[in-house]
Amino acid sequence: MFDAVAFAGGGNRCYWQGGFWDAAAPRLGLSPDLVVGVSAGAWSACHTLLGMSRRAAEMVAEGCRRGRPVPIGQFDITNPAGVRRAYEIGVKDGEAFAGRMAPSST
């Protein structure tokens, strides 16, 4: 379906991308030949394609919970809920996308 995938940088967008990939890739059988990432997106691509995106989001959320927040992006990551929320929104969006893109069985 897609030969290449790009992961954008930008704070919590990276956790959203992980959730999106986790939900959409298996349902659509995505296996791109080329993956690129920009800034934090390069980090996001690595942990996502290794199947560790939920774990990475939880580790960052734990760091925030312990008082080491890094306030960036459109989601509030000054608390653990912001990181988790970005990932879960990505999962929801990925499921919706996969549902629209999957071949119809009728």
Protein backbone atom coordinates (compact mmCIF):
# COMPACT_ATOMS: atom_id res chain seq x y z
CA MET A 1 0.00 0.00 0.00
CA PHE A 2 2.82 2.43 0.92
CA ASP A 3 6.43 2.03 -0.21
CA ALA A 4 7.76 4.65 2.21
CA VAL A 5 6.72 6.18 5.52
CA ALA A 6 7.95 9.42 7.12
CA PHE A 7 7.75 10.14 10.84
CA ALA A 8 7.57 13.87 11.55
CA GLY A 9 9.23 15.51 14.52
CA GLY A 10 7.40 17.63 17.03
CA GLY A 11 7.10 16.51 20.63
CA ASN A 12 3.98 14.55 21.48
CA ARG A 13 3.18 14.08 17.81
CA CYS A 14 5.74 11.30 18.03
CA TYR A 15 3.64 9.38 20.57
CA TRP A 16 0.57 9.94 18.39
CA GLN A 17 2.49 8.48 15.43
CA GLY A 18 3.39 5.43 17.50
CA GLY A 19 -0.23 4.82 18.45
CA PHE A 20 -1.36 5.38 14.86
CA TRP A 21 1.22 2.92 13.53
CA ASP A 22 0.42 0.33 16.20
CA ALA A 23 -3.26 0.39 15.22
CA ALA A 24 -3.07 0.82 11.44
CA ALA A 25 0.02 -1.13 10.33
CA PRO A 26 -1.09 -4.63 11.38
CA ARG A 27 -4.62 -4.15 10.04
CA LEU A 28 -3.36 -2.91 6.68
CA GLY A 29 -0.29 -5.13 6.43
CA LEU A 30 2.03 -2.14 6.15
CA SER A 31 5.66 -3.05 5.52
CA PRO A 32 7.35 -0.10 3.81
CA ASP A 33 10.70 -0.46 2.07
CA LEU A 34 11.84 2.94 3.34
CA VAL A 35 11.24 4.68 6.66
CA VAL A 36 12.56 8.15 7.44
CA GLY A 37 12.23 10.39 10.46
CA VAL A 38 12.88 14.03 11.23
CA SER A 39 14.16 15.17 14.63
CA ALA A 40 12.18 13.37 17.34
CA GLY A 41 10.42 11.52 14.52
CA ALA A 42 13.63 9.56 13.89
CA TRP A 43 13.54 8.38 17.50
CA SER A 44 9.82 7.69 17.18
CA ALA A 45 10.32 5.62 14.02
CA CYS A 46 12.94 3.49 15.77
CA HIS A 47 10.91 2.57 18.84
CA THR A 48 7.69 2.25 16.84
CA LEU A 49 9.08 -0.13 14.24
CA LEU A 50 10.67 -2.17 17.02
CA GLY A 51 7.20 -2.57 18.52
CA MET A 52 8.03 -0.47 21.57
CA SER A 53 5.92 2.65 21.06
CA ARG A 54 3.51 2.02 23.96
CA ARG A 55 6.46 1.18 26.24
CA ALA A 56 8.34 4.32 25.17
CA ALA A 57 5.27 6.48 25.88
CA GLU A 58 4.89 4.89 29.30
CA MET A 59 8.58 5.44 30.12
CA VAL A 60 8.34 9.14 29.20
CA ALA A 61 5.08 9.47 31.15
CA GLU A 62 6.82 7.96 34.18
CA GLY A 63 9.66 10.46 33.82
CA CYS A 64 7.09 13.27 33.77
CA ARG A 65 5.35 11.81 36.81
CA ARG A 66 8.63 11.92 38.69
CA GLY A 67 8.94 15.63 37.99
CA ARG A 68 11.04 15.71 34.84
CA PRO A 69 8.56 17.23 32.37
CA VAL A 70 9.52 18.64 29.00
CA PRO A 71 6.64 20.96 27.95
CA ILE A 72 6.51 20.76 24.15
CA GLY A 73 3.89 20.12 21.50
CA GLN A 74 0.16 20.57 21.45
CA PHE A 75 -0.50 18.06 24.22
CA ASP A 76 0.36 18.79 27.83
CA ILE A 77 3.34 16.63 28.70
CA THR A 78 3.97 18.38 31.96
CA ASN A 79 2.07 15.43 33.38
CA PRO A 80 1.92 11.77 32.35
CA ALA A 81 -1.61 12.09 30.99
CA GLY A 82 -0.41 14.19 28.02
CA VAL A 83 1.94 11.51 26.69
CA ARG A 84 -0.61 8.74 27.19
CA ARG A 85 -3.35 10.86 25.62
CA ALA A 86 -1.27 11.51 22.51
CA TYR A 87 -0.61 7.77 22.09
CA GLU A 88 -4.26 6.80 22.63
CA ILE A 89 -5.50 9.45 20.17
CA GLY A 90 -3.04 8.00 17.65
CA VAL A 91 -4.45 4.51 18.23
CA LYS A 92 -8.00 5.76 17.69
CA ASP A 93 -7.03 7.67 14.54
CA GLY A 94 -5.06 4.67 13.23
CA GLU A 95 -8.02 2.36 13.71
CA ALA A 96 -10.31 4.79 11.87
CA PHE A 97 -7.79 5.18 9.02
CA ALA A 98 -7.34 1.42 8.69
CA GLY A 99 -11.10 0.98 8.61
CA ARG A 100 -11.40 3.45 5.72
CA MET A 101 -8.40 2.07 3.80
CA ALA A 102 -9.00 -1.67 4.22
CA PRO A 103 -10.37 -3.40 1.12
CA SER A 104 -14.11 -3.91 1.26
CA SER A 105 -15.25 -7.52 1.64
CA THR A 106 -18.46 -6.88 -0.31
